[in-house]
Amino acid sequence: MTESILIVDDNLEILEFLTEVLGDTYKVHVAENGEIALQILDTEVIHLIVLDVMMPGMDGFELCHLVKSNVEYCHIPVLLLTSKSSHRSHIEGLEAGADAYTRKPFSPKFIQVQIANLLNNRLKIKTHFASSPFEDVRVMAHSKTDETFLKKLDDYIRKNIQDSQMDIDKLAEHMNMSRPTLYRKIKSLSALSPKELINITRLKKAACLIAENEFSLSEIARMVGYGSQSLFSRNFQKHFNASPLEYLNSLPKTTTK
């Protein structure tokens, strides 16, 4: 998957320069002001924002604060660009919620490395969550707002885990979000579609039940919302690289009966 970056700057030369520097690696969206940036955030899955501080109207600090205080966008890392060199401006950027701060002028290599590091750190967390049977979904949270959002989402999925018809429409209604907004939020935050997140939650719950060794595999399949044990076994194998029985046999004997 090619990650998407939003560049916000009122200087067209900077927009063209950064598009050229980053365009071979990422899908690049550009905005000349904060209002256009918000329109893009409302329609696209954005993985990182490169944001100039000095802009007319809504400046970079204001837009950064708005992004970081909105549950729909707060998970997106923000890299601030500024020609200011004072400690006060740096502190102001961090107070607005920026994840990184770069002074102009900067070399193409420097900003490429900064962006790669921010995205790679997020990717490691997403991969760890998806592949670890007992890892809590809140490991992907980068703020208290995200933690609350993920807990509410996870609680609903687990409460209704036997519902084989659970889908994004039911999740969106519970989360008081539109379907597209929830999709963008989950996709950007976890790199998963809502359907994939539901399925991984089912499989993680199944892994916990298998470890308890109190139910048959067919019972566990039904308990986590699978109407077919064969489909459950195939999905478990695909996700954890082991069949449910192999997984059970791999557990320490003290956890099984």
C-alpha atoms as a PDB file:
ATOM      1  CA  MET A   1       0.000   0.000   0.000  1.00  0.00           C
ATOM      2  CA  THR A   2       1.340   3.424  -0.993  1.00  0.00           C
ATOM      3  CA  GLU A   3       0.998   5.835   1.909  1.00  0.00           C
ATOM      4  CA  SER A   4      -0.604   9.232   1.341  1.00  0.00           C
ATOM      5  CA  ILE A   5       0.938  12.517   2.423  1.00  0.00           C
ATOM      6  CA  LEU A   6      -0.790  15.891   2.572  1.00  0.00           C
ATOM      7  CA  ILE A   7       1.475  18.912   2.040  1.00  0.00           C
ATOM      8  CA  VAL A   8       0.043  22.245   3.195  1.00  0.00           C
ATOM      9  CA  ASP A   9       1.909  25.414   2.203  1.00  0.00           C
ATOM     10  CA  ASP A  10       0.904  28.717   0.614  1.00  0.00           C
ATOM     11  CA  ASN A  11       4.206  28.814  -1.301  1.00  0.00           C
ATOM     12  CA  LEU A  12       3.681  27.111  -4.675  1.00  0.00           C
ATOM     13  CA  GLU A  13       7.430  26.593  -5.136  1.00  0.00           C
ATOM     14  CA  ILE A  14       7.601  24.654  -1.849  1.00  0.00           C
ATOM     15  CA  LEU A  15       4.579  22.567  -2.891  1.00  0.00           C
ATOM     16  CA  GLU A  16       6.215  21.726  -6.222  1.00  0.00           C
ATOM     17  CA  PHE A  17       9.574  21.010  -4.574  1.00  0.00           C
ATOM     18  CA  LEU A  18       8.131  18.660  -1.954  1.00  0.00           C
ATOM     19  CA  THR A  19       5.888  16.958  -4.498  1.00  0.00           C
ATOM     20  CA  GLU A  20       8.970  16.234  -6.601  1.00  0.00           C
ATOM     21  CA  VAL A  21      10.977  15.049  -3.570  1.00  0.00           C
ATOM     22  CA  LEU A  22       8.229  12.802  -2.165  1.00  0.00           C
ATOM     23  CA  GLY A  23       6.153  11.894  -5.211  1.00  0.00           C
ATOM     24  CA  ASP A  24       8.139   8.787  -6.178  1.00  0.00           C
ATOM     25  CA  THR A  25       7.614   7.224  -2.746  1.00  0.00           C
ATOM     26  CA  TYR A  26       4.204   8.451  -1.603  1.00  0.00           C
ATOM     27  CA  LYS A  27       0.854   9.499  -2.977  1.00  0.00           C
ATOM     28  CA  VAL A  28       0.996  13.265  -2.537  1.00  0.00           C
ATOM     29  CA  HIS A  29      -1.921  15.646  -1.973  1.00  0.00           C
ATOM     30  CA  VAL A  30      -1.314  19.396  -1.822  1.00  0.00           C
ATOM     31  CA  ALA A  31      -3.224  22.295  -0.265  1.00  0.00           C
ATOM     32  CA  GLU A  32      -2.443  26.014  -0.396  1.00  0.00           C
ATOM     33  CA  ASN A  33      -4.253  26.789   2.846  1.00  0.00           C
ATOM     34  CA  GLY A  34      -5.873  25.237   5.884  1.00  0.00           C
ATOM     35  CA  GLU A  35      -9.393  25.269   4.464  1.00  0.00           C
ATOM     36  CA  ILE A  36      -8.390  23.206   1.423  1.00  0.00           C
ATOM     37  CA  ALA A  37      -6.402  20.883   3.682  1.00  0.00           C
ATOM     38  CA  LEU A  38      -9.487  20.158   5.794  1.00  0.00           C
ATOM     39  CA  GLN A  39     -11.500  19.384   2.656  1.00  0.00           C
ATOM     40  CA  ILE A  40      -8.863  16.834   1.623  1.00  0.00           C
ATOM     41  CA  LEU A  41      -8.802  15.309   5.108  1.00  0.00           C
ATOM     42  CA  ASP A  42     -12.571  14.844   4.843  1.00  0.00           C
ATOM     43  CA  THR A  43     -12.315  12.864   1.599  1.00  0.00           C
ATOM     44  CA  GLU A  44      -8.965  11.051   1.543  1.00  0.00           C
ATOM     45  CA  VAL A  45      -7.067   8.562   3.726  1.00  0.00           C
ATOM     46  CA  ILE A  46      -4.031  10.608   4.819  1.00  0.00           C
ATOM     47  CA  HIS A  47      -1.121   8.997   6.663  1.00  0.00           C
ATOM     48  CA  LEU A  48       1.009  12.093   7.376  1.00  0.00           C
ATOM     49  CA  ILE A  49       0.731  15.875   7.076  1.00  0.00           C
ATOM     50  CA  VAL A  50       3.638  18.168   6.161  1.00  0.00           C
ATOM     51  CA  LEU A  51       2.510  21.585   7.338  1.00  0.00           C
ATOM     52  CA  ASP A  52       4.015  25.046   6.934  1.00  0.00           C
ATOM     53  CA  VAL A  53       3.698  27.288   9.976  1.00  0.00           C
ATOM     54  CA  MET A  54       3.567  30.676   8.256  1.00  0.00           C
ATOM     55  CA  MET A  55       0.364  30.861   6.213  1.00  0.00           C
ATOM     56  CA  PRO A  56      -2.244  33.616   5.828  1.00  0.00           C
ATOM     57  CA  GLY A  57      -5.585  32.998   7.495  1.00  0.00           C
ATOM     58  CA  MET A  58      -5.359  29.736   9.408  1.00  0.00           C
ATOM     59  CA  ASP A  59      -1.669  29.309  10.212  1.00  0.00           C
ATOM     60  CA  GLY A  60       0.118  26.011  10.720  1.00  0.00           C
ATOM     61  CA  PHE A  61      -0.106  26.067  14.512  1.00  0.00           C
ATOM     62  CA  GLU A  62      -3.879  26.573  14.350  1.00  0.00           C
ATOM     63  CA  LEU A  63      -4.391  23.839  11.767  1.00  0.00           C
ATOM     64  CA  CYS A  64      -2.138  21.446  13.682  1.00  0.00           C
ATOM     65  CA  HIS A  65      -4.112  22.055  16.881  1.00  0.00           C
ATOM     66  CA  LEU A  66      -7.383  21.546  14.997  1.00  0.00           C
ATOM     67  CA  VAL A  67      -6.162  18.248  13.512  1.00  0.00           C
ATOM     68  CA  LYS A  68      -4.877  16.946  16.835  1.00  0.00           C
ATOM     69  CA  SER A  69      -8.054  17.872  18.733  1.00  0.00           C
ATOM     70  CA  ASN A  70     -10.449  16.233  16.238  1.00  0.00           C
ATOM     71  CA  VAL A  71     -11.158  12.520  16.714  1.00  0.00           C
ATOM     72  CA  GLU A  72     -11.424  12.081  12.936  1.00  0.00           C
ATOM     73  CA  TYR A  73      -7.821  13.210  12.281  1.00  0.00           C
ATOM     74  CA  CYS A  74      -5.889  13.165  15.571  1.00  0.00           C
ATOM     75  CA  HIS A  75      -4.057   9.925  14.721  1.00  0.00           C
ATOM     76  CA  ILE A  76      -2.303  11.537  11.720  1.00  0.00           C
ATOM     77  CA  PRO A  77       1.328  12.522  12.428  1.00  0.00           C
ATOM     78  CA  VAL A  78       2.130  16.155  11.661  1.00  0.00           C
ATOM     79  CA  LEU A  79       5.534  17.441  10.539  1.00  0.00           C
ATOM     80  CA  LEU A  80       5.757  21.226  10.933  1.00  0.00           C
ATOM     81  CA  LEU A  81       7.935  23.308   8.621  1.00  0.00           C
ATOM     82  CA  THR A  82       9.070  26.772   9.678  1.00  0.00           C
ATOM     83  CA  SER A  83      11.640  29.428   8.971  1.00  0.00           C
ATOM     84  CA  LYS A  84      11.464  30.495  12.617  1.00  0.00           C
ATOM     85  CA  SER A  85      14.423  29.424  14.722  1.00  0.00           C
ATOM     86  CA  SER A  86      13.326  30.520  18.197  1.00  0.00           C
ATOM     87  CA  HIS A  87      12.746  28.059  21.007  1.00  0.00           C
ATOM     88  CA  ARG A  88       9.370  29.722  21.586  1.00  0.00           C
ATOM     89  CA  SER A  89       8.114  28.795  18.119  1.00  0.00           C
ATOM     90  CA  HIS A  90       9.393  25.241  18.591  1.00  0.00           C
ATOM     91  CA  ILE A  91       7.555  24.965  21.892  1.00  0.00           C
ATOM     92  CA  GLU A  92       4.423  26.421  20.287  1.00  0.00           C
ATOM     93  CA  GLY A  93       4.569  23.715  17.627  1.00  0.00           C
ATOM     94  CA  LEU A  94       4.880  20.950  20.187  1.00  0.00           C
ATOM     95  CA  GLU A  95       2.051  22.460  22.228  1.00  0.00           C
ATOM     96  CA  ALA A  96      -0.124  22.361  19.102  1.00  0.00           C
ATOM     97  CA  GLY A  97       0.517  18.615  18.954  1.00  0.00           C
ATOM     98  CA  ALA A  98       3.139  18.372  16.215  1.00  0.00           C
ATOM     99  CA  ASP A  99       5.022  15.078  16.016  1.00  0.00           C
ATOM    100  CA  ALA A 100       8.144  16.594  14.451  1.00  0.00           C
ATOM    101  CA  TYR A 101       9.518  20.045  13.675  1.00  0.00           C
ATOM    102  CA  THR A 102      11.814  21.004  10.790  1.00  0.00           C
ATOM    103  CA  ARG A 103      13.456  24.372  10.167  1.00  0.00           C
ATOM    104  CA  LYS A 104      13.778  25.793   6.663  1.00  0.00           C
ATOM    105  CA  PRO A 105      15.883  25.463   4.629  1.00  0.00           C
ATOM    106  CA  PHE A 106      16.143  21.690   4.744  1.00  0.00           C
ATOM    107  CA  SER A 107      17.715  19.092   2.479  1.00  0.00           C
ATOM    108  CA  PRO A 108      15.511  16.642   0.536  1.00  0.00           C
ATOM    109  CA  LYS A 109      17.242  13.717   2.252  1.00  0.00           C
ATOM    110  CA  PHE A 110      16.590  15.131   5.720  1.00  0.00           C
ATOM    111  CA  ILE A 111      12.845  15.494   5.225  1.00  0.00           C
ATOM    112  CA  GLN A 112      12.639  12.094   3.495  1.00  0.00           C
ATOM    113  CA  VAL A 113      14.262  10.441   6.512  1.00  0.00           C
ATOM    114  CA  GLN A 114      12.040  12.319   8.970  1.00  0.00           C
ATOM    115  CA  ILE A 115       8.879  11.262   7.154  1.00  0.00           C
ATOM    116  CA  ALA A 116      10.069   7.667   6.745  1.00  0.00           C
ATOM    117  CA  ASN A 117      10.858   7.417  10.465  1.00  0.00           C
ATOM    118  CA  LEU A 118       7.457   8.761  11.507  1.00  0.00           C
ATOM    119  CA  LEU A 119       5.613   6.379   9.173  1.00  0.00           C
ATOM    120  CA  ASN A 120       7.807   3.359   9.964  1.00  0.00           C
ATOM    121  CA  ASN A 121       7.256   3.789  13.696  1.00  0.00           C
ATOM    122  CA  ARG A 122       3.495   3.800  13.135  1.00  0.00           C
ATOM    123  CA  LEU A 123       3.739   0.788  10.818  1.00  0.00           C
ATOM    124  CA  LYS A 124       5.663  -1.258  13.405  1.00  0.00           C
ATOM    125  CA  ILE A 125       2.905  -0.655  15.929  1.00  0.00           C
ATOM    126  CA  LYS A 126       0.177  -1.599  13.433  1.00  0.00           C
ATOM    127  CA  THR A 127       1.995  -4.783  12.436  1.00  0.00           C
ATOM    128  CA  HIS A 128       2.605  -5.731  16.074  1.00  0.00           C
ATOM    129  CA  PHE A 129      -1.091  -5.337  16.885  1.00  0.00           C
ATOM    130  CA  ALA A 130      -2.264  -7.389  13.911  1.00  0.00           C
ATOM    131  CA  SER A 131       0.158 -10.281  14.475  1.00  0.00           C
ATOM    132  CA  SER A 132       0.033 -10.553  18.284  1.00  0.00           C
ATOM    133  CA  PRO A 133      -2.879 -12.690  19.537  1.00  0.00           C
ATOM    134  CA  PHE A 134      -3.149 -11.004  22.943  1.00  0.00           C
ATOM    135  CA  GLU A 135      -2.231  -7.398  22.095  1.00  0.00           C
ATOM    136  CA  ASP A 136      -4.850  -4.790  22.991  1.00  0.00           C
ATOM    137  CA  VAL A 137      -6.168  -2.600  20.167  1.00  0.00           C
ATOM    138  CA  ARG A 138      -5.253   0.504  22.180  1.00  0.00           C
ATOM    139  CA  VAL A 139      -1.575  -0.141  21.470  1.00  0.00           C
ATOM    140  CA  MET A 140      -2.230   1.782  18.231  1.00  0.00           C
ATOM    141  CA  ALA A 141      -3.422   4.894  20.082  1.00  0.00           C
ATOM    142  CA  HIS A 142      -1.215   7.974  19.832  1.00  0.00           C
ATOM    143  CA  SER A 143      -3.378  10.177  22.054  1.00  0.00           C
ATOM    144  CA  LYS A 144      -6.013   9.937  24.772  1.00  0.00           C
ATOM    145  CA  THR A 145      -8.615  10.740  22.119  1.00  0.00           C
ATOM    146  CA  ASP A 146      -7.523   7.786  20.014  1.00  0.00           C
ATOM    147  CA  GLU A 147      -7.387   5.546  23.072  1.00  0.00           C
ATOM    148  CA  THR A 148     -10.999   6.411  23.927  1.00  0.00           C
ATOM    149  CA  PHE A 149     -12.069   5.925  20.314  1.00  0.00           C
ATOM    150  CA  LEU A 150     -10.389   2.514  20.015  1.00  0.00           C
ATOM    151  CA  LYS A 151     -11.737   1.290  23.346  1.00  0.00           C
ATOM    152  CA  LYS A 152     -15.296   2.238  22.389  1.00  0.00           C
ATOM    153  CA  LEU A 153     -14.888   0.529  19.014  1.00  0.00           C
ATOM    154  CA  ASP A 154     -13.263  -2.602  20.455  1.00  0.00           C
ATOM    155  CA  ASP A 155     -15.832  -2.900  23.244  1.00  0.00           C
ATOM    156  CA  TYR A 156     -18.664  -2.849  20.705  1.00  0.00           C
ATOM    157  CA  ILE A 157     -17.041  -5.457  18.444  1.00  0.00           C
ATOM    158  CA  ARG A 158     -16.333  -7.795  21.355  1.00  0.00           C
ATOM    159  CA  LYS A 159     -19.804  -7.336  22.851  1.00  0.00           C
ATOM    160  CA  ASN A 160     -21.375  -8.265  19.508  1.00  0.00           C
ATOM    161  CA  ILE A 161     -18.724 -10.738  18.378  1.00  0.00           C
ATOM    162  CA  GLN A 162     -21.217 -13.560  17.822  1.00  0.00           C
ATOM    163  CA  ASP A 163     -23.063 -11.410  15.266  1.00  0.00           C
ATOM    164  CA  SER A 164     -21.836 -12.779  11.939  1.00  0.00           C
ATOM    165  CA  GLN A 165     -23.544  -9.847  10.153  1.00  0.00           C
ATOM    166  CA  MET A 166     -21.588  -7.146  11.960  1.00  0.00           C
ATOM    167  CA  ASP A 167     -20.368  -4.595   9.403  1.00  0.00           C
ATOM    168  CA  ILE A 168     -19.147  -1.033   8.990  1.00  0.00           C
ATOM    169  CA  ASP A 169     -22.685   0.367   8.977  1.00  0.00           C
ATOM    170  CA  LYS A 170     -23.329  -0.989  12.471  1.00  0.00           C
ATOM    171  CA  LEU A 171     -19.932   0.267  13.652  1.00  0.00           C
ATOM    172  CA  ALA A 172     -20.535   3.738  12.167  1.00  0.00           C
ATOM    173  CA  GLU A 173     -23.910   4.027  13.850  1.00  0.00           C
ATOM    174  CA  HIS A 174     -22.416   3.054  17.211  1.00  0.00           C
ATOM    175  CA  MET A 175     -19.469   5.461  16.817  1.00  0.00           C
ATOM    176  CA  ASN A 176     -21.718   8.340  15.661  1.00  0.00           C
ATOM    177  CA  MET A 177     -19.686   8.743  12.473  1.00  0.00           C
ATOM    178  CA  SER A 178     -20.512   8.595   8.813  1.00  0.00           C
ATOM    179  CA  ARG A 179     -19.515   5.407   7.028  1.00  0.00           C
ATOM    180  CA  PRO A 180     -16.766   7.088   4.932  1.00  0.00           C
ATOM    181  CA  THR A 181     -15.354   8.953   7.950  1.00  0.00           C
ATOM    182  CA  LEU A 182     -15.144   5.793  10.051  1.00  0.00           C
ATOM    183  CA  TYR A 183     -13.545   3.899   7.180  1.00  0.00           C
ATOM    184  CA  ARG A 184     -10.849   6.569   6.751  1.00  0.00           C
ATOM    185  CA  LYS A 185     -10.210   6.715  10.496  1.00  0.00           C
ATOM    186  CA  ILE A 186      -9.826   2.959  10.930  1.00  0.00           C
ATOM    187  CA  LYS A 187      -7.804   2.538   7.723  1.00  0.00           C
ATOM    188  CA  SER A 188      -5.346   5.295   8.567  1.00  0.00           C
ATOM    189  CA  LEU A 189      -5.056   4.345  12.231  1.00  0.00           C
ATOM    190  CA  SER A 190      -4.650   0.577  11.813  1.00  0.00           C
ATOM    191  CA  ALA A 191      -3.892  -0.013   8.101  1.00  0.00           C
ATOM    192  CA  LEU A 192      -6.942  -2.304   8.194  1.00  0.00           C
ATOM    193  CA  SER A 193     -10.379  -1.957   6.675  1.00  0.00           C
ATOM    194  CA  PRO A 194     -13.253  -2.111   9.194  1.00  0.00           C
ATOM    195  CA  LYS A 195     -14.049  -5.619   7.914  1.00  0.00           C
ATOM    196  CA  GLU A 196     -10.438  -6.704   8.497  1.00  0.00           C
ATOM    197  CA  LEU A 197     -10.424  -5.162  11.985  1.00  0.00           C
ATOM    198  CA  ILE A 198     -13.611  -7.043  12.882  1.00  0.00           C
ATOM    199  CA  ASN A 199     -12.111 -10.288  11.609  1.00  0.00           C
ATOM    200  CA  ILE A 200      -8.827  -9.807  13.478  1.00  0.00           C
ATOM    201  CA  THR A 201     -10.769  -9.073  16.661  1.00  0.00           C
ATOM    202  CA  ARG A 202     -12.709 -12.319  16.158  1.00  0.00           C
ATOM    203  CA  LEU A 203      -9.469 -14.255  15.685  1.00  0.00           C
ATOM    204  CA  LYS A 204      -7.787 -12.650  18.707  1.00  0.00           C
ATOM    205  CA  LYS A 205     -10.797 -13.550  20.841  1.00  0.00           C
ATOM    206  CA  ALA A 206     -10.631 -17.088  19.444  1.00  0.00           C
ATOM    207  CA  ALA A 207      -6.940 -17.313  20.357  1.00  0.00           C
ATOM    208  CA  CYS A 208      -7.793 -16.372  23.950  1.00  0.00           C
ATOM    209  CA  LEU A 209     -10.557 -18.988  24.076  1.00  0.00           C
ATOM    210  CA  ILE A 210      -8.251 -21.649  22.619  1.00  0.00           C
ATOM    211  CA  ALA A 211      -5.665 -20.836  25.292  1.00  0.00           C
ATOM    212  CA  GLU A 212      -8.307 -21.360  27.991  1.00  0.00           C
ATOM    213  CA  ASN A 213      -8.963 -24.839  26.492  1.00  0.00           C
ATOM    214  CA  GLU A 214     -12.509 -25.010  27.843  1.00  0.00           C
ATOM    215  CA  PHE A 215     -14.414 -25.255  24.562  1.00  0.00           C
ATOM    216  CA  SER A 216     -14.180 -27.295  21.377  1.00  0.00           C
ATOM    217  CA  LEU A 217     -12.924 -25.586  18.229  1.00  0.00           C
ATOM    218  CA  SER A 218     -16.392 -25.751  16.696  1.00  0.00           C
ATOM    219  CA  GLU A 219     -17.854 -24.062  19.782  1.00  0.00           C
ATOM    220  CA  ILE A 220     -15.168 -21.367  19.643  1.00  0.00           C
ATOM    221  CA  ALA A 221     -15.875 -20.752  15.951  1.00  0.00           C
ATOM    222  CA  ARG A 222     -19.532 -20.079  16.763  1.00  0.00           C
ATOM    223  CA  MET A 223     -18.650 -17.978  19.822  1.00  0.00           C
ATOM    224  CA  VAL A 224     -16.630 -15.550  17.687  1.00  0.00           C
ATOM    225  CA  GLY A 225     -19.179 -15.235  14.899  1.00  0.00           C
ATOM    226  CA  TYR A 226     -18.195 -17.892  12.364  1.00  0.00           C
ATOM    227  CA  GLY A 227     -20.969 -20.040  10.949  1.00  0.00           C
ATOM    228  CA  SER A 228     -18.398 -22.410   9.446  1.00  0.00           C
ATOM    229  CA  GLN A 229     -15.578 -24.065  11.371  1.00  0.00           C
ATOM    230  CA  SER A 230     -13.656 -24.656   8.148  1.00  0.00           C
ATOM    231  CA  LEU A 231     -13.774 -20.931   7.309  1.00  0.00           C
ATOM    232  CA  PHE A 232     -12.691 -20.126  10.867  1.00  0.00           C
ATOM    233  CA  SER A 233      -9.757 -22.553  10.616  1.00  0.00           C
ATOM    234  CA  ARG A 234      -8.664 -21.157   7.228  1.00  0.00           C
ATOM    235  CA  ASN A 235      -8.756 -17.561   8.486  1.00  0.00           C
ATOM    236  CA  PHE A 236      -6.937 -18.472  11.694  1.00  0.00           C
ATOM    237  CA  GLN A 237      -4.248 -20.303   9.726  1.00  0.00           C
ATOM    238  CA  LYS A 238      -3.858 -17.397   7.302  1.00  0.00           C
ATOM    239  CA  HIS A 239      -3.546 -14.818  10.043  1.00  0.00           C
ATOM    240  CA  PHE A 240      -1.449 -16.600  12.679  1.00  0.00           C
ATOM    241  CA  ASN A 241       0.419 -19.022  10.380  1.00  0.00           C
ATOM    242  CA  ALA A 242      -0.879 -21.978  12.397  1.00  0.00           C
ATOM    243  CA  SER A 243      -4.114 -23.916  12.504  1.00  0.00           C
ATOM    244  CA  PRO A 244      -6.224 -23.593  15.687  1.00  0.00           C
ATOM    245  CA  LEU A 245      -5.076 -27.078  16.754  1.00  0.00           C
ATOM    246  CA  GLU A 246      -1.413 -26.290  16.049  1.00  0.00           C
ATOM    247  CA  TYR A 247      -1.800 -23.084  18.024  1.00  0.00           C
ATOM    248  CA  LEU A 248      -3.302 -24.993  20.966  1.00  0.00           C
ATOM    249  CA  ASN A 249      -0.471 -27.532  20.918  1.00  0.00           C
ATOM    250  CA  SER A 250       2.139 -24.739  20.818  1.00  0.00           C
ATOM    251  CA  LEU A 251       0.919 -23.185  24.073  1.00  0.00           C
ATOM    252  CA  PRO A 252       2.743 -23.913  27.351  1.00  0.00           C
ATOM    253  CA  LYS A 253       1.170 -26.956  28.973  1.00  0.00           C
ATOM    254  CA  THR A 254       0.395 -24.951  32.104  1.00  0.00           C
ATOM    255  CA  THR A 255      -2.211 -22.987  30.116  1.00  0.00           C
ATOM    256  CA  THR A 256      -3.994 -26.076  28.783  1.00  0.00           C
ATOM    257  CA  LYS A 257      -5.874 -28.932  30.360  1.00  0.00           C
END
